[in-house]
């Protein structure tokens, strides 16, 4: 696929890194900063073009006429929208994806479409991150909560503690512990290494366990891995930017929310826009302020400022002062991996949260949802099975007869409104939503080919 990425910022660079490594993709990146482009070209097999992303001549030089997809990820909503308009009008680009940050744009009905602004898919990284954090707050004890099949099932990552019922026992004991509840352990990581989740696999303390289950059964299954934590009541948010404001607005009617913002002007604006949340003007890394606001009685401290160093320091301080759980927005994957599970409970990578939404539109076969896991080294995907029995690589076949690549498991099947357990003899039917877990994302090409029906096989 010929892909044109506009903008080489944090999100654009991460997307380029992910897509350039995949077989069959030819990636071109456009940005106004030649230094950033030079660095990307040194590290990735990509083509770069220096210039303004929405100028027709720049898009022409970048190869927009031959692009299958344009992904506009600059910091300007307006530049992204204009670039999509030009790609549609002048180059007739098939798929146009744009990053839209301002809620005023994407909350306006009828603004995007073939007869309006021709953006096929709009993404709001800030909203995606907000939704991601909100899930984590609603499921205390989890470090990752991801939706599939329109929220009918969820993939949850938890760290096993010795007070969990299944810890110290084999996976097959799970059915005896919670009879009548359909769940599947998709992956187990021990000391950073993947452990095949077989029936006789022993769950040990500190294992990272990913399981998938119907949304209503999540808490029951979590109790097998660790003692259930009390629901979150008090939340402190550091940073009143787009993410901080949206998170406060989403939580203020169900939780006691305080938001700390350095700017007096922004703090005043937040206090006028938020109905119940308490807005404080100050520095979230000020020990005196945190003590004054009883940080030791807070259930969650979430630092989402634009400065990752400030996020790290304020979260570590809040943890030291007695906050039960701290989260920090961290852009650099190396920092996130180093800190998560230690001085910081959850490190949130906006690039990893965002890239799954993009990958769903890049994948071949009918892949409708993608979630990047383990800092992009693993993936969970939702694919729709198409074709007829005898003409499809999956339809009409039992799971044990499907040629899944190494490290890939079918965790669950959603058939209409029914969650079907994925046993070895379960037969895949046409239009099933199949949820797969890939411990090695390099196998994605083989998985995609399985879900390409008929003449699409290649």
Protein backbone atom coordinates (compact mmCIF):
# COMPACT_ATOMS: atom_id res chain seq x y z
CA UNK A 1 0.00 0.00 0.00
CA UNK A 2 1.24 3.48 -0.91
CA UNK A 3 0.74 5.64 2.19
CA UNK A 4 1.34 9.39 2.52
CA UNK A 5 1.78 10.68 6.09
CA UNK A 6 1.51 14.42 6.67
CA UNK A 7 3.25 15.60 9.82
CA UNK A 8 6.30 14.09 11.50
CA UNK A 9 5.42 14.94 15.08
CA UNK A 10 5.15 12.33 17.84
CA UNK A 11 2.04 10.69 16.43
CA UNK A 12 3.15 10.94 12.80
CA UNK A 13 6.59 9.52 13.55
CA UNK A 14 5.11 6.61 15.51
CA UNK A 15 2.68 5.82 12.71
CA UNK A 16 5.50 5.97 10.15
CA UNK A 17 7.65 3.67 12.31
CA UNK A 18 4.83 1.14 12.59
CA UNK A 19 3.75 1.15 8.94
CA UNK A 20 7.23 1.25 7.41
CA UNK A 21 8.11 -2.04 9.12
CA UNK A 22 5.17 -3.86 7.57
CA UNK A 23 5.58 -5.79 4.35
CA UNK A 24 4.07 -4.20 1.25
CA UNK A 25 3.85 -0.63 2.56
CA UNK A 26 5.58 2.27 0.81
CA UNK A 27 5.58 5.26 3.16
CA UNK A 28 6.24 8.91 2.36
CA UNK A 29 6.36 11.57 5.10
CA UNK A 30 5.82 15.31 4.63
CA UNK A 31 6.91 17.90 7.20
CA UNK A 32 8.30 21.42 7.33
CA UNK A 33 11.25 20.42 9.55
CA UNK A 34 14.11 18.97 7.46
CA UNK A 35 16.02 17.88 10.58
CA UNK A 36 13.15 15.71 11.81
CA UNK A 37 12.73 14.17 8.37
CA UNK A 38 16.45 13.48 8.09
CA UNK A 39 16.37 11.66 11.42
CA UNK A 40 13.39 9.55 10.32
CA UNK A 41 15.04 8.68 7.02
CA UNK A 42 18.15 7.52 8.87
CA UNK A 43 16.08 5.14 11.00
CA UNK A 44 13.31 4.02 8.64
CA UNK A 45 12.92 2.85 5.07
CA UNK A 46 10.75 5.82 4.07
CA UNK A 47 10.74 8.66 1.56
CA UNK A 48 10.56 12.23 2.91
CA UNK A 49 9.46 15.54 1.42
CA UNK A 50 10.05 18.95 3.01
CA UNK A 51 7.15 21.35 2.66
CA UNK A 52 3.77 22.56 3.87
CA UNK A 53 1.40 19.60 4.09
CA UNK A 54 -1.63 21.27 2.49
CA UNK A 55 0.11 22.90 -0.51
CA UNK A 56 -0.92 21.20 -3.77
CA UNK A 57 2.60 21.30 -5.23
CA UNK A 58 4.05 19.69 -2.07
CA UNK A 59 1.45 16.91 -2.21
CA UNK A 60 2.26 16.47 -5.90
CA UNK A 61 5.98 16.07 -5.12
CA UNK A 62 5.12 13.65 -2.32
CA UNK A 63 3.31 11.37 -4.76
CA UNK A 64 -0.30 12.06 -3.76
CA UNK A 65 -1.42 11.10 -7.28
CA UNK A 66 -0.32 7.50 -6.62
CA UNK A 67 -1.19 7.29 -2.92
CA UNK A 68 -3.77 4.76 -1.76
CA UNK A 69 -4.15 6.56 1.54
CA UNK A 70 -3.34 9.96 3.03
CA UNK A 71 -3.00 10.30 6.80
CA UNK A 72 -2.96 13.96 7.88
CA UNK A 73 -1.46 14.20 11.38
CA UNK A 74 -0.10 17.73 11.60
CA UNK A 75 -0.76 19.82 14.71
CA UNK A 76 -3.28 21.96 12.80
CA UNK A 77 -6.83 20.69 12.29
CA UNK A 78 -7.29 23.16 9.49
CA UNK A 79 -4.16 22.04 7.61
CA UNK A 80 -5.28 18.41 7.96
CA UNK A 81 -8.75 19.15 6.60
CA UNK A 82 -7.46 21.24 3.69
CA UNK A 83 -4.93 18.53 2.80
CA UNK A 84 -7.75 15.96 2.64
CA UNK A 85 -9.81 18.31 0.51
CA UNK A 86 -6.97 18.79 -1.98
CA UNK A 87 -6.19 15.05 -2.00
CA UNK A 88 -9.84 14.42 -2.86
CA UNK A 89 -10.30 17.20 -5.42
CA UNK A 90 -6.96 17.16 -7.21
CA UNK A 91 -5.65 13.62 -6.72
CA UNK A 92 -8.79 11.53 -6.10
CA UNK A 93 -7.14 9.73 -3.17
CA UNK A 94 -9.14 6.68 -2.06
CA UNK A 95 -8.84 6.97 1.74
CA UNK A 96 -8.32 10.21 3.65
CA UNK A 97 -7.70 10.15 7.40
CA UNK A 98 -7.31 13.34 9.43
CA UNK A 99 -6.34 14.19 12.98
CA UNK A 100 -9.01 16.52 14.39
CA UNK A 101 -8.35 17.87 17.86
CA UNK A 102 -11.08 20.49 18.33
CA UNK A 103 -14.36 19.02 19.54
CA UNK A 104 -16.17 21.89 17.83
CA UNK A 105 -15.33 20.27 14.47
CA UNK A 106 -16.16 16.63 15.07
CA UNK A 107 -19.28 17.43 17.11
CA UNK A 108 -20.79 19.30 14.16
CA UNK A 109 -23.17 16.95 12.25
CA UNK A 110 -22.67 16.70 8.50
CA UNK A 111 -19.33 18.49 8.46
CA UNK A 112 -17.38 15.52 7.11
CA UNK A 113 -18.36 13.45 4.08
CA UNK A 114 -18.08 13.21 0.29
CA UNK A 115 -20.35 16.21 -0.21
CA UNK A 116 -18.77 18.29 2.56
CA UNK A 117 -15.19 18.16 3.87
CA UNK A 118 -13.97 14.86 2.35
CA UNK A 119 -12.47 13.25 5.45
CA UNK A 120 -13.27 9.53 5.42
CA UNK A 121 -11.99 8.89 8.95
CA UNK A 122 -11.27 11.49 11.60
CA UNK A 123 -9.20 10.76 14.68
CA UNK A 124 -8.95 12.67 17.92
CA UNK A 125 -5.92 11.34 19.83
CA UNK A 126 -7.00 13.38 22.84
CA UNK A 127 -10.44 11.76 22.90
CA UNK A 128 -8.98 8.29 22.38
CA UNK A 129 -6.59 8.81 25.32
CA UNK A 130 -9.44 10.17 27.45
CA UNK A 131 -11.58 7.10 26.74
CA UNK A 132 -8.62 4.84 27.47
CA UNK A 133 -7.95 6.45 30.87
CA UNK A 134 -11.65 6.42 31.73
CA UNK A 135 -11.75 2.63 31.16
CA UNK A 136 -8.75 2.18 33.48
CA UNK A 137 -10.42 4.23 36.20
CA UNK A 138 -13.62 2.19 35.95
CA UNK A 139 -11.63 -1.06 36.26
CA UNK A 140 -9.17 -0.44 39.12
CA UNK A 141 -6.39 -3.00 39.09
CA UNK A 142 -6.19 -3.27 35.30
CA UNK A 143 -3.34 -1.73 33.30
CA UNK A 144 -5.09 -2.08 29.94
CA UNK A 145 -8.79 -2.25 28.99
CA UNK A 146 -9.70 -2.50 25.29
CA UNK A 147 -13.04 -2.77 23.52
CA UNK A 148 -14.01 -5.19 20.75
CA UNK A 149 -17.27 -5.86 18.88
CA UNK A 150 -18.75 -2.47 19.79
CA UNK A 151 -18.00 -2.99 23.47
CA UNK A 152 -19.65 -6.42 23.76
CA UNK A 153 -16.34 -7.95 24.84
CA UNK A 154 -13.21 -6.45 26.35
CA UNK A 155 -9.57 -7.45 26.51
CA UNK A 156 -8.14 -6.69 29.94
CA UNK A 157 -4.55 -6.75 31.12
CA UNK A 158 -3.89 -7.33 34.84
CA UNK A 159 -0.86 -8.15 36.93
CA UNK A 160 -1.43 -11.32 38.97
CA UNK A 161 -1.19 -10.95 42.74
CA UNK A 162 -0.88 -13.74 45.26
CA UNK A 163 -4.39 -13.02 46.62
CA UNK A 164 -5.94 -13.96 43.26
CA UNK A 165 -7.83 -17.27 43.23
CA UNK A 166 -6.04 -18.56 40.10
CA UNK A 167 -2.52 -17.55 41.13
CA UNK A 168 -0.45 -20.65 41.77
CA UNK A 169 -2.85 -22.83 39.81
CA UNK A 170 -3.15 -24.04 36.22
CA UNK A 171 -5.22 -22.09 33.72
CA UNK A 172 -7.65 -24.99 33.22
CA UNK A 173 -8.82 -24.51 36.83
CA UNK A 174 -10.48 -21.27 35.73
CA UNK A 175 -13.57 -23.10 34.43
CA UNK A 176 -14.06 -24.76 37.80
CA UNK A 177 -13.64 -21.48 39.69
CA UNK A 178 -16.17 -19.51 37.63
CA UNK A 179 -18.52 -22.01 35.95
CA UNK A 180 -20.92 -20.55 33.40
CA UNK A 181 -18.71 -17.58 32.56
CA UNK A 182 -17.05 -17.63 29.16
CA UNK A 183 -13.55 -16.20 29.24
CA UNK A 184 -10.22 -16.94 27.63
CA UNK A 185 -6.71 -16.10 28.75
CA UNK A 186 -5.18 -14.68 25.57
CA UNK A 187 -1.59 -14.23 26.70
CA UNK A 188 0.70 -14.45 29.71
CA UNK A 189 3.93 -12.48 30.05
CA UNK A 190 6.51 -13.40 32.69
CA UNK A 191 9.57 -11.18 33.15
CA UNK A 192 8.82 -9.62 29.78
CA UNK A 193 8.69 -12.96 27.92
CA UNK A 194 5.56 -14.50 26.39
CA UNK A 195 4.39 -17.77 27.99
CA UNK A 196 2.02 -19.94 25.87
CA UNK A 197 -1.36 -19.95 27.70
CA UNK A 198 -2.02 -23.69 27.66
CA UNK A 199 -4.39 -25.48 30.03
CA UNK A 200 -1.51 -26.68 32.21
CA UNK A 201 0.23 -23.28 32.29
CA UNK A 202 0.75 -22.18 35.89
CA UNK A 203 -0.20 -18.56 36.71
CA UNK A 204 2.46 -17.06 38.94
CA UNK A 205 2.56 -13.90 41.02
CA UNK A 206 3.52 -10.79 38.98
CA UNK A 207 2.59 -12.42 35.66
CA UNK A 208 1.00 -10.01 33.21
CA UNK A 209 -2.21 -11.75 32.19
CA UNK A 210 -4.39 -10.67 29.26
CA UNK A 211 -7.88 -12.14 29.22
CA UNK A 212 -10.98 -11.50 27.14
CA UNK A 213 -14.57 -11.76 28.34
CA UNK A 214 -18.01 -10.22 27.96
CA UNK A 215 -18.13 -6.76 29.48
CA UNK A 216 -20.49 -7.84 32.29
CA UNK A 217 -18.07 -10.59 33.40
CA UNK A 218 -14.85 -8.56 33.56
CA UNK A 219 -14.81 -8.00 37.31
CA UNK A 220 -15.50 -11.66 38.09
CA UNK A 221 -12.58 -12.77 35.95
CA UNK A 222 -10.33 -10.05 37.39
CA UNK A 223 -10.97 -11.44 40.87
CA UNK A 224 -9.26 -14.66 39.73
CA UNK A 225 -6.01 -12.76 39.15
CA UNK A 226 -6.02 -10.36 42.09
CA UNK A 227 -8.15 -9.10 44.92
CA UNK A 228 -10.72 -6.68 43.55
CA UNK A 229 -10.02 -3.09 44.47
CA UNK A 230 -12.71 -0.73 45.72
CA UNK A 231 -14.34 1.47 43.07
CA UNK A 232 -12.53 4.71 42.42
CA UNK A 233 -14.13 7.72 44.10
CA UNK A 234 -11.55 10.51 44.33
CA UNK A 235 -9.59 11.48 41.22
CA UNK A 236 -6.94 14.20 40.93
CA UNK A 237 -6.00 15.31 37.41
CA UNK A 238 -2.81 17.25 36.72
CA UNK A 239 -3.11 19.40 33.60
CA UNK A 240 -6.14 21.22 32.24
CA UNK A 241 -5.44 20.85 28.53
CA UNK A 242 -7.66 18.99 26.07
CA UNK A 243 -7.19 15.60 27.72
CA UNK A 244 -7.42 16.91 31.30
CA UNK A 245 -10.60 18.85 30.58
CA UNK A 246 -12.28 15.98 28.73
CA UNK A 247 -11.35 13.50 31.45
CA UNK A 248 -12.70 15.79 34.17
CA UNK A 249 -15.93 16.34 32.21
CA UNK A 250 -16.35 12.58 31.71
CA UNK A 251 -15.80 11.74 35.39
CA UNK A 252 -17.22 14.65 37.35
CA UNK A 253 -20.77 13.25 37.56
CA UNK A 254 -19.66 9.86 38.90
CA UNK A 255 -16.49 10.74 40.86
CA UNK A 256 -15.08 13.45 43.09
CA UNK A 257 -12.73 15.24 40.70
CA UNK A 258 -10.05 17.86 41.29
CA UNK A 259 -8.04 19.29 38.41
CA UNK A 260 -4.77 21.19 38.87
CA UNK A 261 -3.83 23.74 36.18
CA UNK A 262 -0.86 26.13 36.22
CA UNK A 263 -2.36 28.87 34.03
CA UNK A 264 -4.73 31.23 35.84
CA UNK A 265 -6.55 32.03 32.61
CA UNK A 266 -7.06 28.38 31.73
CA UNK A 267 -8.03 27.52 35.32
CA UNK A 268 -10.71 30.20 35.23
CA UNK A 269 -11.99 28.90 31.91
CA UNK A 270 -12.13 25.33 33.24
CA UNK A 271 -14.05 26.39 36.34
CA UNK A 272 -16.67 27.99 34.10
CA UNK A 273 -16.97 24.97 31.79
CA UNK A 274 -16.98 22.19 34.38
CA UNK A 275 -20.13 21.60 36.42
CA UNK A 276 -18.88 19.78 39.53
CA UNK A 277 -15.11 19.32 39.31
CA UNK A 278 -12.98 21.49 41.62
CA UNK A 279 -10.37 23.50 39.70
CA UNK A 280 -7.13 24.44 41.46
CA UNK A 281 -4.56 26.85 40.08
CA UNK A 282 -1.06 25.68 40.87
CA UNK A 283 1.81 23.31 40.14
CA UNK A 284 0.95 19.59 40.35
CA UNK A 285 4.57 18.91 41.39
CA UNK A 286 4.23 21.21 44.42
CA UNK A 287 4.43 18.94 47.46
CA UNK A 288 2.70 21.48 49.67
CA UNK A 289 -0.27 21.78 47.30
CA UNK A 290 -0.68 18.02 47.05
CA UNK A 291 -0.54 17.63 50.84
CA UNK A 292 -3.00 20.48 51.29
CA UNK A 293 -5.41 18.74 48.90
CA UNK A 294 -5.09 15.43 50.80
CA UNK A 295 -3.43 13.49 48.01
CA UNK A 296 -3.05 10.54 50.40
CA UNK A 297 -6.82 10.05 50.34
CA UNK A 298 -7.04 10.16 46.52
CA UNK A 299 -7.74 6.91 44.69
CA UNK A 300 -6.16 7.99 41.39
CA UNK A 301 -3.71 10.72 40.39
CA UNK A 302 -3.53 11.19 36.64
CA UNK A 303 -0.92 13.52 35.16
CA UNK A 304 -1.72 14.56 31.57
CA UNK A 305 0.15 17.82 31.00
CA UNK A 306 2.02 18.52 27.75
CA UNK A 307 5.39 17.96 29.47
CA UNK A 308 6.19 14.29 30.06
CA UNK A 309 8.96 15.09 32.57
CA UNK A 310 6.43 17.04 34.65
CA UNK A 311 4.00 14.14 34.34
CA UNK A 312 6.59 11.67 35.57
CA UNK A 313 7.78 13.78 38.49
CA UNK A 314 4.30 14.78 39.70
CA UNK A 315 3.04 11.19 39.49
CA UNK A 316 6.07 9.87 41.39
CA UNK A 317 5.58 12.56 44.03
CA UNK A 318 1.86 11.76 44.39
CA UNK A 319 2.72 8.08 44.83
CA UNK A 320 5.30 8.86 47.49
CA UNK A 321 2.78 11.03 49.32
CA UNK A 322 0.30 8.17 49.58
CA UNK A 323 -1.95 8.22 46.51
CA UNK A 324 -3.23 4.69 45.84
CA UNK A 325 -2.69 4.65 42.08
CA UNK A 326 -0.86 7.04 39.76
CA UNK A 327 -0.95 7.34 35.97
CA UNK A 328 1.22 9.49 33.72
CA UNK A 329 1.07 10.44 30.05
CA UNK A 330 4.50 9.51 28.66
CA UNK A 331 5.41 9.94 24.99
CA UNK A 332 8.73 8.10 24.90
CA UNK A 333 8.23 4.32 24.89
CA UNK A 334 11.58 3.73 26.62
CA UNK A 335 10.51 5.94 29.54
CA UNK A 336 7.11 4.28 29.76
CA UNK A 337 8.54 0.76 29.83
CA UNK A 338 11.14 1.75 32.42
CA UNK A 339 8.68 3.33 34.83
CA UNK A 340 5.45 1.36 34.51
CA UNK A 341 4.74 -1.05 37.34
CA UNK A 342 7.34 0.58 39.57
CA UNK A 343 7.16 4.18 40.72
CA UNK A 344 4.29 4.75 38.27
CA UNK A 345 1.40 2.30 38.12
CA UNK A 346 0.26 2.99 34.55
CA UNK A 347 2.26 4.74 31.83
CA UNK A 348 -0.03 5.93 29.05
CA UNK A 349 1.43 6.21 25.55
CA UNK A 350 -0.76 8.41 23.32
CA UNK A 351 0.93 7.03 20.22
CA UNK A 352 0.10 3.43 21.11
CA UNK A 353 -3.49 4.34 21.97
CA UNK A 354 -3.91 6.22 18.69
CA UNK A 355 -2.15 3.89 16.30
CA UNK A 356 -4.64 1.07 16.71
CA UNK A 357 -7.40 3.23 15.24
CA UNK A 358 -5.19 3.94 12.24
CA UNK A 359 -4.07 0.36 11.73
CA UNK A 360 -7.65 -0.85 11.38
CA UNK A 361 -7.86 1.16 8.14
CA UNK A 362 -4.50 -0.03 6.82
CA UNK A 363 -4.93 -3.74 7.42
CA UNK A 364 -5.89 -6.00 4.53
CA UNK A 365 -8.81 -8.40 4.88
CA UNK A 366 -11.83 -7.19 6.82
CA UNK A 367 -10.02 -6.06 9.97
CA UNK A 368 -12.29 -3.68 11.87
CA UNK A 369 -10.36 -3.06 15.07
CA UNK A 370 -6.69 -3.16 16.07
CA UNK A 371 -5.10 -2.55 19.45
CA UNK A 372 -1.33 -2.27 19.84
CA UNK A 373 -0.02 -3.99 22.98
CA UNK A 374 3.28 -4.36 24.77
CA UNK A 375 4.59 -1.08 23.29
CA UNK A 376 3.68 -2.23 19.79
CA UNK A 377 5.33 -5.64 19.96
CA UNK A 378 1.99 -7.47 20.16
CA UNK A 379 -1.45 -6.85 18.72
CA UNK A 380 -5.05 -7.78 19.37
CA UNK A 381 -7.27 -7.57 16.30
CA UNK A 382 -10.92 -8.06 15.39
CA UNK A 383 -11.51 -9.48 11.94
CA UNK A 384 -14.74 -10.43 10.18
CA UNK A 385 -14.87 -13.85 8.56
CA UNK A 386 -16.18 -13.67 4.98
CA UNK A 387 -16.62 -16.19 2.19
CA UNK A 388 -18.22 -19.58 1.70
CA UNK A 389 -17.37 -22.98 3.08
CA UNK A 390 -14.66 -24.45 0.89
CA UNK A 391 -13.66 -21.08 -0.53
CA UNK A 392 -12.50 -19.39 2.67
CA UNK A 393 -9.46 -20.12 4.80
CA UNK A 394 -11.52 -19.74 7.99
CA UNK A 395 -15.28 -20.04 7.30
CA UNK A 396 -16.57 -23.55 7.94
CA UNK A 397 -13.37 -24.62 9.69
CA UNK A 398 -12.85 -25.50 13.33
CA UNK A 399 -10.24 -23.43 15.13
CA UNK A 400 -7.82 -26.35 15.37
CA UNK A 401 -7.89 -26.68 11.56
CA UNK A 402 -7.12 -23.02 10.84
CA UNK A 403 -3.47 -22.45 9.90
CA UNK A 404 -2.72 -19.80 12.51
CA UNK A 405 0.88 -18.54 12.58
CA UNK A 406 3.05 -19.15 15.63
CA UNK A 407 2.15 -17.00 18.62
CA UNK A 408 -1.39 -16.31 17.36
CA UNK A 409 -4.53 -17.44 19.17
CA UNK A 410 -8.24 -16.98 18.50
CA UNK A 411 -9.51 -15.85 21.88
CA UNK A 412 -13.24 -15.44 21.32
CA UNK A 413 -15.85 -15.19 18.55
CA UNK A 414 -18.74 -12.72 18.57
CA UNK A 415 -21.69 -13.99 16.53
CA UNK A 416 -24.39 -11.33 16.37
CA UNK A 417 -25.06 -10.46 20.02
CA UNK A 418 -23.70 -13.79 21.29
CA UNK A 419 -20.20 -14.32 22.66
CA UNK A 420 -19.05 -17.77 21.48
CA UNK A 421 -16.16 -19.41 23.37
CA UNK A 422 -13.20 -20.24 21.14
CA UNK A 423 -12.54 -23.93 21.81
CA UNK A 424 -10.44 -26.13 19.53
CA UNK A 425 -13.58 -27.61 17.89
CA UNK A 426 -15.49 -24.33 17.53
CA UNK A 427 -16.45 -23.79 13.88
CA UNK A 428 -16.14 -20.31 12.40
CA UNK A 429 -19.21 -19.12 10.50
CA UNK A 430 -19.60 -16.40 7.86
CA UNK A 431 -19.82 -12.88 9.34
CA UNK A 432 -18.38 -13.95 12.70
CA UNK A 433 -16.27 -11.31 14.44
CA UNK A 434 -13.10 -13.18 15.34
CA UNK A 435 -10.87 -11.73 18.08
CA UNK A 436 -7.20 -12.75 17.78
CA UNK A 437 -4.16 -12.11 19.93
CA UNK A 438 -0.71 -11.95 18.30
CA UNK A 439 2.26 -12.12 20.65
CA UNK A 440 4.49 -11.43 17.62
CA UNK A 441 3.06 -8.67 15.42
CA UNK A 442 5.43 -9.67 12.61
CA UNK A 443 2.93 -12.43 11.85
CA UNK A 444 0.20 -9.92 10.95
CA UNK A 445 0.60 -10.46 7.19
CA UNK A 446 -0.24 -14.14 7.53
CA UNK A 447 -3.26 -13.37 9.70
CA UNK A 448 -4.52 -10.79 7.20
CA UNK A 449 -4.26 -13.32 4.39
CA UNK A 450 -6.46 -15.74 6.33
CA UNK A 451 -9.28 -13.20 6.31
CA UNK A 452 -8.97 -12.24 2.66
CA UNK A 453 -11.75 -14.05 0.86
CA UNK A 454 -11.85 -15.37 -2.69
CA UNK A 455 -9.99 -13.32 -5.26
CA UNK A 456 -8.42 -11.13 -2.60
CA UNK A 457 -6.02 -13.91 -1.60
CA UNK A 458 -2.43 -13.13 -2.46
